[in-house]
Amino acid sequence: MGRKIHPLGFRLGVNQKHYSYWFTQKKDYPKFLEGDRKIRNFVENYIQKQFKNVSNYGGIGHIEIQRKTDLIQIDIHTGFPDLLIEEQSLGISQMKSELGNILGLENRNLRVTLTSVTQPYGEPKILAEHVALQLRSRVPFRRTMKKTIELVGRTNGRGIKIQISGRLNGSEMARVEWAREGRVPLQTVKADISYCCHPAQTIYGVLGIKIWIFRDTQ
């Protein structure tokens, strides 16, 4: 009972930080919140569309948004930021232009920066996208979970837990399977836990992927 709290919101102010930084009046809060959601969805969909055929692209760890008086700064934390510039001729400039048209802003009021993630496979969102790609390619889920745990073992993570739910391997009845390596103390507030929930659309239906990573605080 009562185990449904979000692992990141549970630790805000202890060892987790916000990904959006802005102040506004109470009446404008829903508008800014919806704007942040549009920005994140557009950036993720744009990059996924542009790099659909790039095999070594790591994905997006997270997106930070800072709103100032006349400036919106978007910081994209990605595993391989050079691909956004080198692999595509237009790169980040086209994404910035299209995003400005959606938000109704000029380029001088919108700033987009790329930040490299030191250990891409230590980010749960990048791992979840990797797992979703394998499941869409009809790779057996047990092999996928085993390979993913091996990727995390190369980083400084102290533990990982992967949970996949749905019609696994095309079975008629949906079920939940999970695998864990190391320690994942979800009830310890001071534990540095990273979490991600990601859907994977397969020919059998939607599979839910959840990943918890216990990082080394030293």
N, C-alpha and C. Protein backbone atom coordinates (compact mmCIF):
# COMPACT_ATOMS: atom_id res chain seq x y z
N MET A 1 0.84 -1.19 0.00
CA MET A 1 0.00 0.00 0.00
C MET A 1 0.88 1.26 0.00
N GLY A 2 0.46 2.22 -0.77
CA GLY A 2 1.11 3.52 -0.74
C GLY A 2 2.51 3.54 -1.30
N ARG A 3 2.82 2.70 -2.29
CA ARG A 3 4.16 2.68 -2.86
C ARG A 3 4.22 3.38 -4.22
N LYS A 4 3.30 4.28 -4.48
CA LYS A 4 3.15 4.84 -5.81
C LYS A 4 3.72 6.24 -5.94
N ILE A 5 4.51 6.70 -5.00
CA ILE A 5 5.08 8.03 -5.08
C ILE A 5 6.19 8.06 -6.13
N HIS A 6 6.32 9.20 -6.82
CA HIS A 6 7.34 9.34 -7.86
C HIS A 6 8.72 9.43 -7.20
N PRO A 7 9.69 8.64 -7.65
CA PRO A 7 11.00 8.65 -6.99
C PRO A 7 11.72 9.99 -7.07
N LEU A 8 11.49 10.77 -8.15
CA LEU A 8 12.18 12.05 -8.28
C LEU A 8 11.50 13.13 -7.44
N GLY A 9 10.17 13.20 -7.48
CA GLY A 9 9.46 14.18 -6.67
C GLY A 9 9.62 13.91 -5.18
N PHE A 10 9.83 12.65 -4.81
CA PHE A 10 10.03 12.28 -3.42
C PHE A 10 11.34 12.86 -2.87
N ARG A 11 12.31 13.12 -3.77
CA ARG A 11 13.64 13.56 -3.35
C ARG A 11 13.95 15.00 -3.75
N LEU A 12 12.96 15.75 -4.20
CA LEU A 12 13.19 17.15 -4.54
C LEU A 12 13.62 17.93 -3.31
N GLY A 13 14.69 18.70 -3.46
CA GLY A 13 15.22 19.46 -2.35
C GLY A 13 16.24 18.71 -1.53
N VAL A 14 16.37 17.41 -1.76
CA VAL A 14 17.37 16.61 -1.04
C VAL A 14 18.56 16.34 -1.95
N ASN A 15 18.34 15.58 -3.02
CA ASN A 15 19.40 15.36 -4.01
C ASN A 15 18.88 15.42 -5.44
N GLN A 16 17.65 15.90 -5.62
CA GLN A 16 17.10 16.11 -6.96
C GLN A 16 16.78 17.58 -7.14
N LYS A 17 16.90 18.07 -8.36
CA LYS A 17 16.64 19.47 -8.65
C LYS A 17 15.53 19.57 -9.69
N HIS A 18 15.00 20.77 -9.83
CA HIS A 18 13.97 21.02 -10.83
C HIS A 18 14.61 21.15 -12.21
N TYR A 19 13.83 20.80 -13.23
CA TYR A 19 14.29 20.94 -14.61
C TYR A 19 13.69 22.17 -15.28
N SER A 20 12.89 22.93 -14.57
CA SER A 20 12.34 24.19 -15.08
C SER A 20 12.57 25.27 -14.02
N TYR A 21 13.08 26.41 -14.47
CA TYR A 21 13.39 27.51 -13.57
C TYR A 21 12.69 28.77 -14.07
N TRP A 22 11.65 29.20 -13.39
CA TRP A 22 10.98 30.45 -13.70
C TRP A 22 10.01 30.80 -12.58
N PHE A 23 9.69 32.09 -12.50
CA PHE A 23 8.72 32.61 -11.54
C PHE A 23 7.63 33.34 -12.32
N THR A 24 6.40 33.21 -11.87
CA THR A 24 5.29 33.88 -12.53
C THR A 24 4.13 34.03 -11.56
N GLN A 25 3.15 34.78 -11.98
CA GLN A 25 1.96 34.90 -11.17
C GLN A 25 1.12 33.63 -11.25
N LYS A 26 0.23 33.49 -10.30
CA LYS A 26 -0.56 32.26 -10.21
C LYS A 26 -1.42 32.04 -11.44
N LYS A 27 -1.93 33.11 -12.05
CA LYS A 27 -2.81 32.95 -13.20
C LYS A 27 -2.05 32.48 -14.45
N ASP A 28 -0.73 32.76 -14.52
CA ASP A 28 0.06 32.38 -15.68
C ASP A 28 0.75 31.03 -15.51
N TYR A 29 0.62 30.42 -14.36
CA TYR A 29 1.32 29.16 -14.12
C TYR A 29 0.89 28.05 -15.09
N PRO A 30 -0.41 27.83 -15.34
CA PRO A 30 -0.78 26.77 -16.29
C PRO A 30 -0.24 27.02 -17.69
N LYS A 31 -0.20 28.27 -18.13
CA LYS A 31 0.30 28.57 -19.48
C LYS A 31 1.78 28.25 -19.60
N PHE A 32 2.58 28.61 -18.60
CA PHE A 32 4.00 28.31 -18.64
C PHE A 32 4.26 26.81 -18.53
N LEU A 33 3.47 26.14 -17.73
CA LEU A 33 3.64 24.70 -17.57
C LEU A 33 3.34 23.97 -18.87
N GLU A 34 2.28 24.39 -19.55
CA GLU A 34 1.94 23.81 -20.85
C GLU A 34 3.01 24.14 -21.88
N GLY A 35 3.57 25.35 -21.80
CA GLY A 35 4.64 25.72 -22.72
C GLY A 35 5.88 24.86 -22.55
N ASP A 36 6.23 24.56 -21.32
CA ASP A 36 7.38 23.69 -21.08
C ASP A 36 7.14 22.29 -21.64
N ARG A 37 5.92 21.81 -21.50
CA ARG A 37 5.61 20.47 -22.04
C ARG A 37 5.71 20.46 -23.56
N LYS A 38 5.24 21.53 -24.21
CA LYS A 38 5.34 21.61 -25.67
C LYS A 38 6.80 21.66 -26.12
N ILE A 39 7.62 22.40 -25.38
CA ILE A 39 9.03 22.51 -25.75
C ILE A 39 9.71 21.14 -25.65
N ARG A 40 9.48 20.44 -24.57
CA ARG A 40 10.15 19.15 -24.39
C ARG A 40 9.66 18.14 -25.42
N ASN A 41 8.36 18.11 -25.69
CA ASN A 41 7.84 17.16 -26.68
C ASN A 41 8.38 17.47 -28.07
N PHE A 42 8.46 18.76 -28.42
CA PHE A 42 8.94 19.12 -29.75
C PHE A 42 10.41 18.74 -29.91
N VAL A 43 11.23 19.04 -28.92
CA VAL A 43 12.67 18.74 -29.03
C VAL A 43 12.89 17.24 -29.13
N GLU A 44 12.19 16.46 -28.31
CA GLU A 44 12.38 15.01 -28.35
C GLU A 44 11.90 14.43 -29.68
N ASN A 45 10.73 14.88 -30.16
CA ASN A 45 10.22 14.35 -31.42
C ASN A 45 11.08 14.77 -32.60
N TYR A 46 11.59 16.01 -32.58
CA TYR A 46 12.42 16.49 -33.68
C TYR A 46 13.72 15.69 -33.77
N ILE A 47 14.38 15.51 -32.63
CA ILE A 47 15.64 14.79 -32.64
C ILE A 47 15.43 13.32 -32.99
N GLN A 48 14.35 12.74 -32.50
CA GLN A 48 14.06 11.34 -32.83
C GLN A 48 13.79 11.17 -34.32
N LYS A 49 13.13 12.16 -34.92
CA LYS A 49 12.84 12.08 -36.35
C LYS A 49 14.10 12.29 -37.19
N GLN A 50 14.95 13.24 -36.79
CA GLN A 50 16.14 13.54 -37.57
C GLN A 50 17.18 12.42 -37.49
N PHE A 51 17.25 11.76 -36.35
CA PHE A 51 18.30 10.75 -36.15
C PHE A 51 17.72 9.35 -36.07
N LYS A 52 16.65 9.12 -36.81
CA LYS A 52 16.02 7.81 -36.80
C LYS A 52 16.94 6.74 -37.39
N ASN A 53 17.76 7.14 -38.36
CA ASN A 53 18.63 6.18 -39.04
C ASN A 53 20.07 6.22 -38.53
N VAL A 54 20.33 6.99 -37.48
CA VAL A 54 21.68 7.05 -36.91
C VAL A 54 21.76 6.01 -35.81
N SER A 55 22.61 5.01 -36.00
CA SER A 55 22.63 3.88 -35.07
C SER A 55 23.32 4.19 -33.75
N ASN A 56 24.31 5.09 -33.76
CA ASN A 56 25.09 5.33 -32.55
C ASN A 56 24.63 6.56 -31.79
N TYR A 57 23.41 7.02 -32.03
CA TYR A 57 22.93 8.18 -31.29
C TYR A 57 22.43 7.75 -29.93
N GLY A 58 22.84 8.45 -28.88
CA GLY A 58 22.55 8.01 -27.52
C GLY A 58 21.20 8.42 -26.99
N GLY A 59 20.64 9.54 -27.45
CA GLY A 59 19.36 10.00 -26.94
C GLY A 59 19.53 11.20 -26.02
N ILE A 60 18.41 11.64 -25.44
CA ILE A 60 18.38 12.83 -24.58
C ILE A 60 18.25 12.37 -23.13
N GLY A 61 19.15 12.88 -22.29
CA GLY A 61 19.05 12.57 -20.87
C GLY A 61 17.92 13.34 -20.22
N HIS A 62 17.96 14.68 -20.30
CA HIS A 62 16.88 15.53 -19.83
C HIS A 62 17.04 16.91 -20.44
N ILE A 63 16.01 17.72 -20.31
CA ILE A 63 15.97 19.06 -20.89
C ILE A 63 15.67 20.05 -19.77
N GLU A 64 16.53 21.04 -19.61
CA GLU A 64 16.33 22.09 -18.63
C GLU A 64 15.87 23.37 -19.33
N ILE A 65 14.88 24.04 -18.73
CA ILE A 65 14.29 25.25 -19.31
C ILE A 65 14.38 26.37 -18.29
N GLN A 66 14.93 27.49 -18.71
CA GLN A 66 15.01 28.68 -17.87
C GLN A 66 14.31 29.83 -18.59
N ARG A 67 13.36 30.43 -17.91
CA ARG A 67 12.61 31.56 -18.47
C ARG A 67 13.02 32.84 -17.74
N LYS A 68 13.44 33.83 -18.54
CA LYS A 68 13.75 35.14 -18.00
C LYS A 68 12.77 36.15 -18.59
N THR A 69 13.04 37.42 -18.38
CA THR A 69 12.09 38.45 -18.81
C THR A 69 11.83 38.39 -20.30
N ASP A 70 12.88 38.36 -21.12
CA ASP A 70 12.72 38.34 -22.56
C ASP A 70 13.57 37.25 -23.20
N LEU A 71 13.81 36.17 -22.47
CA LEU A 71 14.67 35.10 -22.98
C LEU A 71 14.22 33.76 -22.44
N ILE A 72 14.21 32.76 -23.32
CA ILE A 72 13.96 31.37 -22.94
C ILE A 72 15.20 30.57 -23.30
N GLN A 73 15.85 30.00 -22.30
CA GLN A 73 17.06 29.23 -22.51
C GLN A 73 16.74 27.75 -22.33
N ILE A 74 17.08 26.96 -23.34
CA ILE A 74 16.82 25.51 -23.33
C ILE A 74 18.16 24.80 -23.36
N ASP A 75 18.41 24.00 -22.35
CA ASP A 75 19.66 23.26 -22.23
C ASP A 75 19.36 21.78 -22.43
N ILE A 76 19.87 21.22 -23.52
CA ILE A 76 19.61 19.82 -23.87
C ILE A 76 20.80 18.99 -23.42
N HIS A 77 20.57 18.07 -22.50
CA HIS A 77 21.61 17.16 -22.03
C HIS A 77 21.50 15.87 -22.83
N THR A 78 22.47 15.64 -23.70
CA THR A 78 22.41 14.50 -24.60
C THR A 78 23.71 13.70 -24.51
N GLY A 79 23.62 12.45 -24.91
CA GLY A 79 24.79 11.59 -24.82
C GLY A 79 25.86 11.91 -25.83
N PHE A 80 25.47 12.26 -27.06
CA PHE A 80 26.42 12.55 -28.11
C PHE A 80 26.02 13.83 -28.82
N PRO A 81 26.34 15.00 -28.26
CA PRO A 81 25.88 16.27 -28.84
C PRO A 81 26.50 16.58 -30.20
N ASP A 82 27.66 15.98 -30.52
CA ASP A 82 28.30 16.29 -31.80
C ASP A 82 27.45 15.84 -32.98
N LEU A 83 26.62 14.81 -32.79
CA LEU A 83 25.78 14.33 -33.88
C LEU A 83 24.77 15.38 -34.31
N LEU A 84 24.31 16.19 -33.39
CA LEU A 84 23.34 17.23 -33.75
C LEU A 84 23.96 18.27 -34.66
N ILE A 85 25.26 18.41 -34.63
CA ILE A 85 25.94 19.43 -35.42
C ILE A 85 26.59 18.83 -36.66
N GLU A 86 27.25 17.68 -36.52
CA GLU A 86 28.04 17.13 -37.60
C GLU A 86 27.21 16.30 -38.57
N GLU A 87 26.32 15.43 -38.04
CA GLU A 87 25.62 14.49 -38.91
C GLU A 87 24.57 15.18 -39.78
N GLN A 88 23.98 16.27 -39.31
CA GLN A 88 22.94 16.94 -40.05
C GLN A 88 23.45 18.29 -40.53
N SER A 89 23.11 18.64 -41.78
CA SER A 89 23.59 19.90 -42.36
C SER A 89 22.96 21.10 -41.67
N LEU A 90 21.68 21.00 -41.33
CA LEU A 90 21.00 22.13 -40.69
C LEU A 90 21.20 22.10 -39.18
N GLY A 91 21.14 20.91 -38.59
CA GLY A 91 21.45 20.75 -37.17
C GLY A 91 20.50 21.49 -36.26
N ILE A 92 21.07 22.11 -35.25
CA ILE A 92 20.29 22.72 -34.20
C ILE A 92 19.65 24.04 -34.64
N SER A 93 20.17 24.66 -35.71
CA SER A 93 19.62 25.94 -36.15
C SER A 93 18.19 25.79 -36.65
N GLN A 94 17.93 24.73 -37.41
CA GLN A 94 16.57 24.51 -37.91
C GLN A 94 15.61 24.21 -36.77
N MET A 95 16.05 23.42 -35.79
CA MET A 95 15.19 23.13 -34.64
C MET A 95 14.87 24.40 -33.87
N LYS A 96 15.85 25.27 -33.73
CA LYS A 96 15.63 26.53 -33.03
C LYS A 96 14.64 27.41 -33.79
N SER A 97 14.74 27.43 -35.11
CA SER A 97 13.83 28.24 -35.92
C SER A 97 12.39 27.73 -35.83
N GLU A 98 12.22 26.40 -35.96
CA GLU A 98 10.87 25.83 -35.89
C GLU A 98 10.27 25.99 -34.50
N LEU A 99 11.09 25.85 -33.48
CA LEU A 99 10.59 26.01 -32.12
C LEU A 99 10.17 27.46 -31.87
N GLY A 100 10.93 28.41 -32.43
CA GLY A 100 10.54 29.81 -32.30
C GLY A 100 9.21 30.11 -32.97
N ASN A 101 8.95 29.46 -34.12
CA ASN A 101 7.66 29.66 -34.80
C ASN A 101 6.50 29.11 -33.98
N ILE A 102 6.72 27.98 -33.31
CA ILE A 102 5.65 27.39 -32.50
C ILE A 102 5.34 28.26 -31.29
N LEU A 103 6.39 28.76 -30.65
CA LEU A 103 6.20 29.58 -29.45
C LEU A 103 5.92 31.03 -29.76
N GLY A 104 6.06 31.43 -31.02
CA GLY A 104 5.84 32.83 -31.38
C GLY A 104 6.94 33.75 -30.88
N LEU A 105 8.18 33.25 -30.90
CA LEU A 105 9.31 34.03 -30.42
C LEU A 105 10.31 34.24 -31.55
N GLU A 106 11.11 35.29 -31.43
CA GLU A 106 12.19 35.51 -32.36
C GLU A 106 13.43 34.74 -31.91
N ASN A 107 14.37 34.58 -32.84
CA ASN A 107 15.57 33.80 -32.52
C ASN A 107 16.39 34.45 -31.40
N ARG A 108 16.34 35.78 -31.32
CA ARG A 108 17.13 36.44 -30.28
C ARG A 108 16.53 36.24 -28.89
N ASN A 109 15.27 35.84 -28.83
CA ASN A 109 14.62 35.57 -27.55
C ASN A 109 14.64 34.10 -27.17
N LEU A 110 15.33 33.28 -27.97
CA LEU A 110 15.38 31.84 -27.74
C LEU A 110 16.82 31.37 -27.86
N ARG A 111 17.30 30.71 -26.83
CA ARG A 111 18.68 30.22 -26.83
C ARG A 111 18.67 28.72 -26.54
N VAL A 112 19.33 27.96 -27.41
CA VAL A 112 19.39 26.51 -27.28
C VAL A 112 20.85 26.11 -27.17
N THR A 113 21.18 25.39 -26.12
CA THR A 113 22.55 24.92 -25.90
C THR A 113 22.54 23.41 -25.72
N LEU A 114 23.68 22.80 -26.06
CA LEU A 114 23.85 21.36 -25.92
C LEU A 114 24.88 21.09 -24.84
N THR A 115 24.56 20.16 -23.96
CA THR A 115 25.46 19.76 -22.88
C THR A 115 25.71 18.27 -22.98
N SER A 116 26.96 17.89 -22.96
CA SER A 116 27.32 16.48 -23.08
C SER A 116 27.16 15.77 -21.74
N VAL A 117 26.56 14.59 -21.78
CA VAL A 117 26.44 13.75 -20.59
C VAL A 117 27.69 12.89 -20.50
N THR A 118 28.35 12.92 -19.34
CA THR A 118 29.62 12.21 -19.19
C THR A 118 29.46 10.72 -19.41
N GLN A 119 28.44 10.14 -18.82
CA GLN A 119 28.17 8.71 -18.96
C GLN A 119 26.74 8.53 -19.48
N PRO A 120 26.58 8.43 -20.80
CA PRO A 120 25.22 8.36 -21.37
C PRO A 120 24.40 7.19 -20.83
N TYR A 121 25.04 6.03 -20.63
CA TYR A 121 24.30 4.87 -20.17
C TYR A 121 24.08 4.87 -18.66
N GLY A 122 24.43 5.98 -18.01
CA GLY A 122 24.05 6.16 -16.62
C GLY A 122 22.79 6.97 -16.47
N GLU A 123 22.19 7.41 -17.61
CA GLU A 123 20.94 8.15 -17.60
C GLU A 123 19.78 7.19 -17.88
N PRO A 124 18.78 7.14 -17.02
CA PRO A 124 17.68 6.17 -17.22
C PRO A 124 16.87 6.43 -18.49
N LYS A 125 16.73 7.71 -18.89
CA LYS A 125 15.94 7.99 -20.09
C LYS A 125 16.63 7.48 -21.35
N ILE A 126 17.95 7.63 -21.42
CA ILE A 126 18.68 7.10 -22.56
C ILE A 126 18.61 5.58 -22.59
N LEU A 127 18.71 4.95 -21.43
CA LEU A 127 18.58 3.50 -21.37
C LEU A 127 17.18 3.04 -21.76
N ALA A 128 16.15 3.79 -21.32
CA ALA A 128 14.77 3.40 -21.65
C ALA A 128 14.54 3.48 -23.16
N GLU A 129 15.09 4.51 -23.82
CA GLU A 129 14.96 4.60 -25.28
C GLU A 129 15.69 3.45 -25.96
N HIS A 130 16.82 3.05 -25.41
CA HIS A 130 17.56 1.90 -25.95
C HIS A 130 16.74 0.62 -25.81
N VAL A 131 16.13 0.42 -24.64
CA VAL A 131 15.30 -0.77 -24.43
C VAL A 131 14.10 -0.76 -25.37
N ALA A 132 13.46 0.40 -25.53
CA ALA A 132 12.30 0.50 -26.41
C ALA A 132 12.68 0.16 -27.85
N LEU A 133 13.86 0.61 -28.30
CA LEU A 133 14.30 0.29 -29.66
C LEU A 133 14.51 -1.20 -29.84
N GLN A 134 15.07 -1.86 -28.83
CA GLN A 134 15.28 -3.31 -28.92
C GLN A 134 13.95 -4.06 -28.94
N LEU A 135 12.99 -3.61 -28.12
CA LEU A 135 11.70 -4.29 -28.08
C LEU A 135 10.94 -4.11 -29.39
N ARG A 136 11.05 -2.92 -29.98
CA ARG A 136 10.39 -2.72 -31.28
C ARG A 136 11.02 -3.58 -32.37
N SER A 137 12.28 -3.94 -32.20
CA SER A 137 12.98 -4.80 -33.16
C SER A 137 12.76 -6.28 -32.86
N ARG A 138 11.85 -6.60 -31.95
CA ARG A 138 11.46 -7.97 -31.60
C ARG A 138 12.59 -8.75 -30.95
N VAL A 139 13.46 -8.06 -30.23
CA VAL A 139 14.49 -8.75 -29.44
C VAL A 139 13.83 -9.27 -28.17
N PRO A 140 14.10 -10.50 -27.75
CA PRO A 140 13.49 -11.02 -26.51
C PRO A 140 13.77 -10.11 -25.33
N PHE A 141 12.75 -9.91 -24.49
CA PHE A 141 12.87 -8.92 -23.42
C PHE A 141 13.89 -9.32 -22.37
N ARG A 142 14.04 -10.61 -22.10
CA ARG A 142 15.03 -11.03 -21.10
C ARG A 142 16.46 -10.73 -21.57
N ARG A 143 16.72 -10.97 -22.84
CA ARG A 143 18.04 -10.63 -23.38
C ARG A 143 18.25 -9.13 -23.36
N THR A 144 17.20 -8.36 -23.65
CA THR A 144 17.31 -6.90 -23.63
C THR A 144 17.64 -6.39 -22.24
N MET A 145 16.95 -6.91 -21.22
CA MET A 145 17.22 -6.48 -19.85
C MET A 145 18.64 -6.85 -19.43
N LYS A 146 19.10 -8.02 -19.83
CA LYS A 146 20.45 -8.46 -19.46
C LYS A 146 21.50 -7.57 -20.09
N LYS A 147 21.35 -7.25 -21.39
CA LYS A 147 22.31 -6.39 -22.06
C LYS A 147 22.29 -4.97 -21.48
N THR A 148 21.11 -4.49 -21.10
CA THR A 148 21.02 -3.15 -20.52
C THR A 148 21.72 -3.08 -19.18
N ILE A 149 21.57 -4.12 -18.37
CA ILE A 149 22.26 -4.15 -17.08
C ILE A 149 23.77 -4.17 -17.29
N GLU A 150 24.24 -4.84 -18.34
CA GLU A 150 25.66 -4.86 -18.63
C GLU A 150 26.16 -3.47 -19.01
N LEU A 151 25.34 -2.69 -19.74
CA LEU A 151 25.74 -1.34 -20.09
C LEU A 151 25.91 -0.46 -18.86
N VAL A 152 24.98 -0.61 -17.91
CA VAL A 152 25.07 0.19 -16.68
C VAL A 152 26.25 -0.25 -15.84
N GLY A 153 26.63 -1.53 -15.93
CA GLY A 153 27.76 -2.01 -15.16
C GLY A 153 29.07 -1.35 -15.52
N ARG A 154 29.15 -0.75 -16.72
CA ARG A 154 30.38 -0.05 -17.13
C ARG A 154 30.47 1.34 -16.54
N THR A 155 29.40 1.84 -15.95
CA THR A 155 29.40 3.16 -15.33
C THR A 155 29.65 3.01 -13.84
N ASN A 156 29.50 4.11 -13.10
CA ASN A 156 29.72 4.05 -11.66
C ASN A 156 28.42 3.86 -10.89
N GLY A 157 27.39 3.30 -11.56
CA GLY A 157 26.13 3.04 -10.87
C GLY A 157 26.28 1.90 -9.87
N ARG A 158 25.63 2.05 -8.73
CA ARG A 158 25.71 1.04 -7.68
C ARG A 158 24.58 0.01 -7.79
N GLY A 159 23.56 0.30 -8.59
CA GLY A 159 22.47 -0.64 -8.74
C GLY A 159 21.50 -0.18 -9.81
N ILE A 160 20.78 -1.11 -10.39
CA ILE A 160 19.79 -0.81 -11.42
C ILE A 160 18.65 -1.80 -11.32
N LYS A 161 17.44 -1.31 -11.59
CA LYS A 161 16.26 -2.15 -11.66
C LYS A 161 15.50 -1.79 -12.92
N ILE A 162 15.16 -2.79 -13.72
CA ILE A 162 14.41 -2.61 -14.97
C ILE A 162 13.12 -3.39 -14.87
N GLN A 163 12.02 -2.74 -15.23
CA GLN A 163 10.71 -3.38 -15.22
C GLN A 163 10.03 -3.15 -16.55
N ILE A 164 9.55 -4.23 -17.16
CA ILE A 164 8.83 -4.16 -18.43
C ILE A 164 7.48 -4.83 -18.24
N SER A 165 6.42 -4.15 -18.66
CA SER A 165 5.07 -4.70 -18.49
C SER A 165 4.32 -4.60 -19.81
N GLY A 166 3.41 -5.56 -20.01
CA GLY A 166 2.61 -5.59 -21.23
C GLY A 166 2.60 -6.99 -21.82
N ARG A 167 2.28 -7.06 -23.09
CA ARG A 167 2.25 -8.35 -23.80
C ARG A 167 3.67 -8.70 -24.22
N LEU A 168 4.42 -9.26 -23.30
CA LEU A 168 5.83 -9.55 -23.54
C LEU A 168 5.97 -10.72 -24.51
N ASN A 169 6.83 -10.52 -25.52
CA ASN A 169 7.07 -11.52 -26.57
C ASN A 169 5.78 -11.94 -27.28
N GLY A 170 4.78 -11.05 -27.28
CA GLY A 170 3.55 -11.31 -28.01
C GLY A 170 2.59 -12.26 -27.32
N SER A 171 2.75 -12.50 -26.03
CA SER A 171 1.84 -13.42 -25.33
C SER A 171 0.45 -12.81 -25.22
N GLU A 172 -0.54 -13.67 -25.09
CA GLU A 172 -1.92 -13.21 -25.05
C GLU A 172 -2.24 -12.45 -23.76
N MET A 173 -1.65 -12.87 -22.67
CA MET A 173 -1.93 -12.25 -21.38
C MET A 173 -0.77 -11.33 -20.98
N ALA A 174 -1.11 -10.12 -20.61
CA ALA A 174 -0.08 -9.16 -20.19
C ALA A 174 0.45 -9.53 -18.81
N ARG A 175 1.73 -9.25 -18.60
CA ARG A 175 2.35 -9.53 -17.31
C ARG A 175 3.48 -8.53 -17.08
N VAL A 176 4.07 -8.61 -15.90
CA VAL A 176 5.15 -7.70 -15.50
C VAL A 176 6.38 -8.54 -15.19
N GLU A 177 7.50 -8.17 -15.79
CA GLU A 177 8.77 -8.84 -15.53
C GLU A 177 9.80 -7.77 -15.15
N TRP A 178 10.69 -8.12 -14.25
CA TRP A 178 11.71 -7.17 -13.84
C TRP A 178 13.01 -7.89 -13.53
N ALA A 179 14.09 -7.11 -13.57
CA ALA A 179 15.42 -7.62 -13.25
C ALA A 179 16.16 -6.55 -12.45
N ARG A 180 16.99 -6.99 -11.52
CA ARG A 180 17.72 -6.05 -10.67
C ARG A 180 19.15 -6.53 -10.48
N GLU A 181 20.04 -5.56 -10.45
CA GLU A 181 21.45 -5.83 -10.20
C GLU A 181 21.96 -4.80 -9.20
N GLY A 182 22.52 -5.25 -8.10
CA GLY A 182 23.01 -4.32 -7.08
C GLY A 182 21.89 -3.85 -6.16
N ARG A 183 22.12 -2.72 -5.50
CA ARG A 183 21.17 -2.16 -4.54
C ARG A 183 20.38 -1.03 -5.19
N VAL A 184 19.07 -1.00 -4.91
CA VAL A 184 18.20 0.10 -5.35
C VAL A 184 17.30 0.47 -4.18
N PRO A 185 17.78 1.26 -3.20
CA PRO A 185 17.00 1.58 -2.00
C PRO A 185 16.00 2.70 -2.27
N LEU A 186 14.81 2.34 -2.70
CA LEU A 186 13.81 3.34 -3.09
C LEU A 186 13.23 4.08 -1.89
N GLN A 187 13.27 3.48 -0.70
CA GLN A 187 12.68 4.12 0.47
C GLN A 187 13.67 5.01 1.22
N THR A 188 14.93 5.04 0.79
CA THR A 188 15.93 5.91 1.41
C THR A 188 15.93 7.25 0.69
N VAL A 189 15.55 8.31 1.40
CA VAL A 189 15.41 9.61 0.75
C VAL A 189 16.76 10.15 0.29
N LYS A 190 17.81 9.91 1.05
CA LYS A 190 19.13 10.44 0.70
C LYS A 190 19.81 9.65 -0.43
N ALA A 191 19.24 8.52 -0.83
CA ALA A 191 19.82 7.75 -1.92
C ALA A 191 19.61 8.48 -3.24
N ASP A 192 20.67 8.59 -4.04
CA ASP A 192 20.61 9.29 -5.33
C ASP A 192 20.02 8.34 -6.36
N ILE A 193 18.71 8.41 -6.54
CA ILE A 193 17.98 7.53 -7.45
C ILE A 193 17.56 8.32 -8.68
N SER A 194 17.87 7.78 -9.86
CA SER A 194 17.37 8.33 -11.12
C SER A 194 16.30 7.40 -11.66
N TYR A 195 15.25 7.98 -12.23
CA TYR A 195 14.09 7.18 -12.63
C TYR A 195 13.55 7.66 -13.96
N CYS A 196 13.01 6.73 -14.74
CA CYS A 196 12.38 7.09 -16.01
C CYS A 196 11.29 6.07 -16.33
N CYS A 197 10.20 6.56 -16.87
CA CYS A 197 9.10 5.72 -17.36
C CYS A 197 8.90 6.04 -18.83
N HIS A 198 8.96 5.02 -19.69
CA HIS A 198 8.96 5.25 -21.13
C HIS A 198 8.09 4.19 -21.81
N PRO A 199 7.20 4.58 -22.75
CA PRO A 199 6.40 3.59 -23.47
C PRO A 199 7.12 3.12 -24.74
N ALA A 200 6.85 1.89 -25.12
CA ALA A 200 7.41 1.32 -26.34
C ALA A 200 6.26 0.75 -27.17
N GLN A 201 6.05 1.32 -28.36
CA GLN A 201 4.97 0.87 -29.24
C GLN A 201 5.47 -0.30 -30.07
N THR A 202 4.88 -1.47 -29.87
CA THR A 202 5.24 -2.66 -30.64
C THR A 202 4.03 -3.12 -31.44
N ILE A 203 4.23 -4.15 -32.25
CA ILE A 203 3.12 -4.65 -33.06
C ILE A 203 2.08 -5.36 -32.20
N TYR A 204 2.45 -5.73 -30.98
CA TYR A 204 1.52 -6.40 -30.08
C TYR A 204 0.81 -5.43 -29.15
N GLY A 205 1.22 -4.19 -29.14
CA GLY A 205 0.63 -3.20 -28.25
C GLY A 205 1.72 -2.37 -27.59
N VAL A 206 1.32 -1.61 -26.60
CA VAL A 206 2.25 -0.72 -25.91
C VAL A 206 2.83 -1.45 -24.70
N LEU A 207 4.16 -1.38 -24.59
CA LEU A 207 4.86 -1.93 -23.44
C LEU A 207 5.36 -0.78 -22.57
N GLY A 208 5.24 -0.94 -21.28
CA GLY A 208 5.72 0.08 -20.34
C GLY A 208 7.09 -0.28 -19.80
N ILE A 209 8.01 0.67 -19.86
CA ILE A 209 9.38 0.45 -19.40
C ILE A 209 9.66 1.39 -18.23
N LYS A 210 10.12 0.84 -17.12
CA LYS A 210 10.52 1.64 -15.97
C LYS A 210 11.94 1.26 -15.59
N ILE A 211 12.76 2.27 -15.34
CA ILE A 211 14.16 2.05 -14.99
C ILE A 211 14.52 2.90 -13.77
N TRP A 212 15.09 2.27 -12.76
CA TRP A 212 15.63 2.94 -11.59
C TRP A 212 17.15 2.71 -11.57
N ILE A 213 17.91 3.77 -11.33
CA ILE A 213 19.37 3.66 -11.24
C ILE A 213 19.82 4.29 -9.93
N PHE A 214 20.55 3.52 -9.14
CA PHE A 214 21.12 4.02 -7.89
C PHE A 214 22.56 4.44 -8.18
N ARG A 215 22.80 5.75 -8.14
CA ARG A 215 24.10 6.28 -8.49
C ARG A 215 25.01 6.34 -7.28
N ASP A 216 26.30 6.26 -7.58
CA ASP A 216 27.31 6.37 -6.53
C ASP A 216 27.46 7.82 -6.14
N THR A 217 27.26 8.14 -4.87
CA THR A 217 27.32 9.52 -4.42
C THR A 217 28.73 9.98 -4.11
N GLN A 218 29.69 9.08 -4.14
CA GLN A 218 31.06 9.45 -3.81
C GLN A 218 31.73 10.16 -5.00
